[in-house]
Amino acid sequence: MKNLILIIGICFFIFGMSACKSKETVKSEANSSLIATATDKGVVEKKWKLTEINGVALSTMTPQPAVEAFIFFQANGDRVNGCSGCNNFTGTYKMGPGSALHFSGVASTRKMCIDMTVEDQMNKIFQAIDSYTFQDGTLNLKQGETVLARFVSE
């Protein structure tokens, strides 16, 4: 009886290992194609510093945001994170055909800063963005033809 249990246990272990390995291979292949596709777009795996929001350059704002506002698109898992000038945020993004871009599940920490202007505007634009353009080290997040936020890579 002990031998039968041992044999069944070994079979489950071997079957489980082969099932896990095949899942890892598929996942790894999917991630590499995603990374290759997204990297070709020149947007992912870079820190993008916010320079303008709703047509206003951050350099002209008084007071300046408490912390540097930036966005970072991760290739693995379509995750996005960054800082909106006061609070950190995280969520997911989806790049579609052409230059389509949509954010979902964006959530942020809840610190209160002296000036929440940039913070409030960043939180609103995530819902409105439907596309992006990328040229000469500048990333524009847009709604239709209107640039809602402009970033430069670091």
Protein backbone atom coordinates (compact mmCIF):
# COMPACT_ATOMS: atom_id res chain seq x y z
CA MET A 1 0.00 0.00 0.00
CA LYS A 2 2.85 2.41 0.85
CA ASN A 3 4.45 1.68 -2.52
CA LEU A 4 1.19 2.45 -4.36
CA ILE A 5 0.82 5.78 -2.55
CA LEU A 6 4.47 6.59 -3.30
CA ILE A 7 4.03 5.78 -7.01
CA ILE A 8 0.83 7.86 -7.23
CA GLY A 9 2.62 10.74 -5.45
CA ILE A 10 5.55 10.56 -7.87
CA CYS A 11 3.16 10.52 -10.86
CA PHE A 12 1.34 13.62 -9.56
CA PHE A 13 4.67 15.36 -8.98
CA ILE A 14 5.95 14.57 -12.50
CA PHE A 15 2.62 15.51 -14.11
CA GLY A 16 2.45 18.71 -12.06
CA MET A 17 6.00 19.71 -13.00
CA SER A 18 5.40 19.13 -16.72
CA ALA A 19 2.13 21.09 -16.59
CA CYS A 20 3.85 23.99 -14.82
CA LYS A 21 6.74 23.94 -17.25
CA SER A 22 4.45 24.11 -20.29
CA LYS A 23 2.53 27.01 -18.76
CA GLU A 24 5.81 28.84 -18.06
CA THR A 25 6.94 28.31 -21.65
CA VAL A 26 3.70 29.69 -23.07
CA LYS A 27 3.76 32.61 -20.63
CA SER A 28 7.40 33.32 -21.43
CA GLU A 29 6.75 33.27 -25.19
CA ALA A 30 3.75 35.59 -24.77
CA ASN A 31 5.79 38.00 -22.64
CA SER A 32 8.66 38.09 -25.14
CA SER A 33 6.33 38.94 -28.01
CA LEU A 34 4.65 41.60 -25.87
CA ILE A 35 8.02 43.06 -24.89
CA ALA A 36 9.21 43.04 -28.49
CA THR A 37 6.02 44.71 -29.74
CA ALA A 38 5.90 47.30 -26.98
CA THR A 39 9.62 48.04 -27.11
CA ASP A 40 9.36 48.68 -30.84
CA LYS A 41 6.96 51.47 -29.97
CA GLY A 42 9.71 53.12 -27.89
CA VAL A 43 7.40 53.84 -24.98
CA VAL A 44 7.70 51.00 -22.47
CA GLU A 45 10.40 50.42 -19.90
CA LYS A 46 11.30 54.11 -19.78
CA LYS A 47 10.65 56.76 -17.17
CA TRP A 48 8.65 59.60 -18.73
CA LYS A 49 8.85 62.95 -16.92
CA LEU A 50 5.73 65.14 -17.15
CA THR A 51 6.51 68.52 -18.75
CA GLU A 52 3.05 69.78 -19.69
CA ILE A 53 -0.53 69.08 -18.66
CA ASN A 54 -3.65 70.40 -20.38
CA GLY A 55 -1.53 72.83 -22.41
CA VAL A 56 0.29 74.34 -19.41
CA ALA A 57 4.04 73.78 -18.98
CA LEU A 58 4.94 72.56 -15.49
CA SER A 59 7.91 74.94 -15.47
CA THR A 60 5.48 77.91 -15.43
CA MET A 61 3.35 76.65 -12.53
CA THR A 62 3.60 78.18 -9.08
CA PRO A 63 4.05 76.46 -6.76
CA GLN A 64 5.84 73.58 -8.44
CA PRO A 65 4.55 70.05 -7.76
CA ALA A 66 5.94 68.64 -4.49
CA VAL A 67 7.50 65.68 -6.29
CA GLU A 68 8.52 65.10 -9.91
CA ALA A 69 5.52 63.80 -11.87
CA PHE A 70 6.30 60.84 -14.13
CA ILE A 71 4.85 57.74 -15.74
CA PHE A 72 6.43 54.32 -16.37
CA PHE A 73 4.93 51.66 -18.67
CA GLN A 74 6.02 48.13 -17.78
CA ALA A 75 6.26 45.67 -20.66
CA ASN A 76 5.55 42.69 -18.45
CA GLY A 77 1.89 42.56 -17.44
CA ASP A 78 0.78 45.83 -19.07
CA ARG A 79 1.25 47.64 -15.76
CA VAL A 80 1.69 51.39 -15.47
CA ASN A 81 2.91 53.30 -12.45
CA GLY A 82 4.35 56.64 -11.53
CA CYS A 83 3.85 59.79 -9.54
CA SER A 84 1.35 62.54 -10.27
CA GLY A 85 3.20 65.31 -8.47
CA CYS A 86 2.18 64.30 -4.97
CA ASN A 87 0.87 60.72 -4.86
CA ASN A 88 2.08 57.51 -6.45
CA PHE A 89 -0.28 55.68 -8.82
CA THR A 90 -0.55 52.27 -10.41
CA GLY A 91 -2.87 50.60 -12.88
CA THR A 92 -2.95 48.83 -16.23
CA TYR A 93 -2.73 50.02 -19.79
CA LYS A 94 -3.64 48.61 -23.17
CA MET A 95 -1.96 49.66 -26.40
CA GLY A 96 -4.07 48.83 -29.40
CA PRO A 97 -3.74 49.05 -33.15
CA GLY A 98 -2.12 52.21 -34.44
CA SER A 99 -1.62 54.51 -31.51
CA ALA A 100 -4.61 53.54 -29.34
CA LEU A 101 -3.98 53.71 -25.59
CA HIS A 102 -6.36 53.10 -22.70
CA PHE A 103 -5.82 52.99 -18.95
CA SER A 104 -7.84 51.03 -16.42
CA GLY A 105 -7.85 50.36 -12.71
CA VAL A 106 -5.68 53.39 -11.96
CA ALA A 107 -5.44 53.95 -8.21
CA SER A 108 -3.23 56.20 -6.15
CA THR A 109 -2.06 56.84 -2.63
CA ARG A 110 -4.00 59.51 -0.74
CA LYS A 111 -1.45 62.01 0.63
CA MET A 112 -2.46 65.64 0.81
CA CYS A 113 -0.01 68.14 -0.64
CA ILE A 114 0.00 71.91 -0.50
CA ASP A 115 -0.93 72.26 -4.17
CA MET A 116 -2.96 69.46 -5.78
CA THR A 117 -3.38 71.10 -9.23
CA VAL A 118 -1.19 68.69 -11.21
CA GLU A 119 -2.36 65.77 -9.11
CA ASP A 120 -6.05 66.45 -9.79
CA GLN A 121 -5.48 66.96 -13.52
CA MET A 122 -3.41 63.76 -13.84
CA ASN A 123 -6.14 61.75 -12.12
CA LYS A 124 -8.76 63.08 -14.56
CA ILE A 125 -6.81 62.52 -17.77
CA PHE A 126 -6.33 58.78 -17.21
CA GLN A 127 -10.04 58.33 -17.92
CA ALA A 128 -9.96 60.48 -21.06
CA ILE A 129 -6.80 59.32 -22.88
CA ASP A 130 -7.52 57.32 -26.02
CA SER A 131 -4.25 57.56 -27.96
CA TYR A 132 -0.63 58.59 -27.88
CA THR A 133 2.08 59.89 -30.17
CA PHE A 134 5.78 59.33 -29.69
CA GLN A 135 8.42 61.32 -31.54
CA ASP A 136 11.94 62.62 -30.84
CA GLY A 137 11.91 61.57 -27.18
CA THR A 138 8.52 63.16 -26.48
CA LEU A 139 5.43 61.20 -25.49
CA ASN A 140 2.04 62.87 -25.94
CA LEU A 141 -1.03 61.34 -24.29
CA LYS A 142 -4.09 62.47 -26.20
CA GLN A 143 -7.85 62.53 -26.38
CA GLY A 144 -8.72 62.75 -30.04
CA GLU A 145 -6.39 65.41 -31.46
CA THR A 146 -5.94 67.22 -28.13
CA VAL A 147 -2.71 66.64 -26.19
CA LEU A 148 -3.67 66.18 -22.54
CA ALA A 149 -0.17 65.49 -21.18
CA ARG A 150 3.33 65.73 -22.60
CA PHE A 151 6.30 63.78 -21.27
CA VAL A 152 10.02 63.52 -22.07
CA SER A 153 12.13 60.42 -21.51
CA GLU A 154 14.93 60.45 -18.98
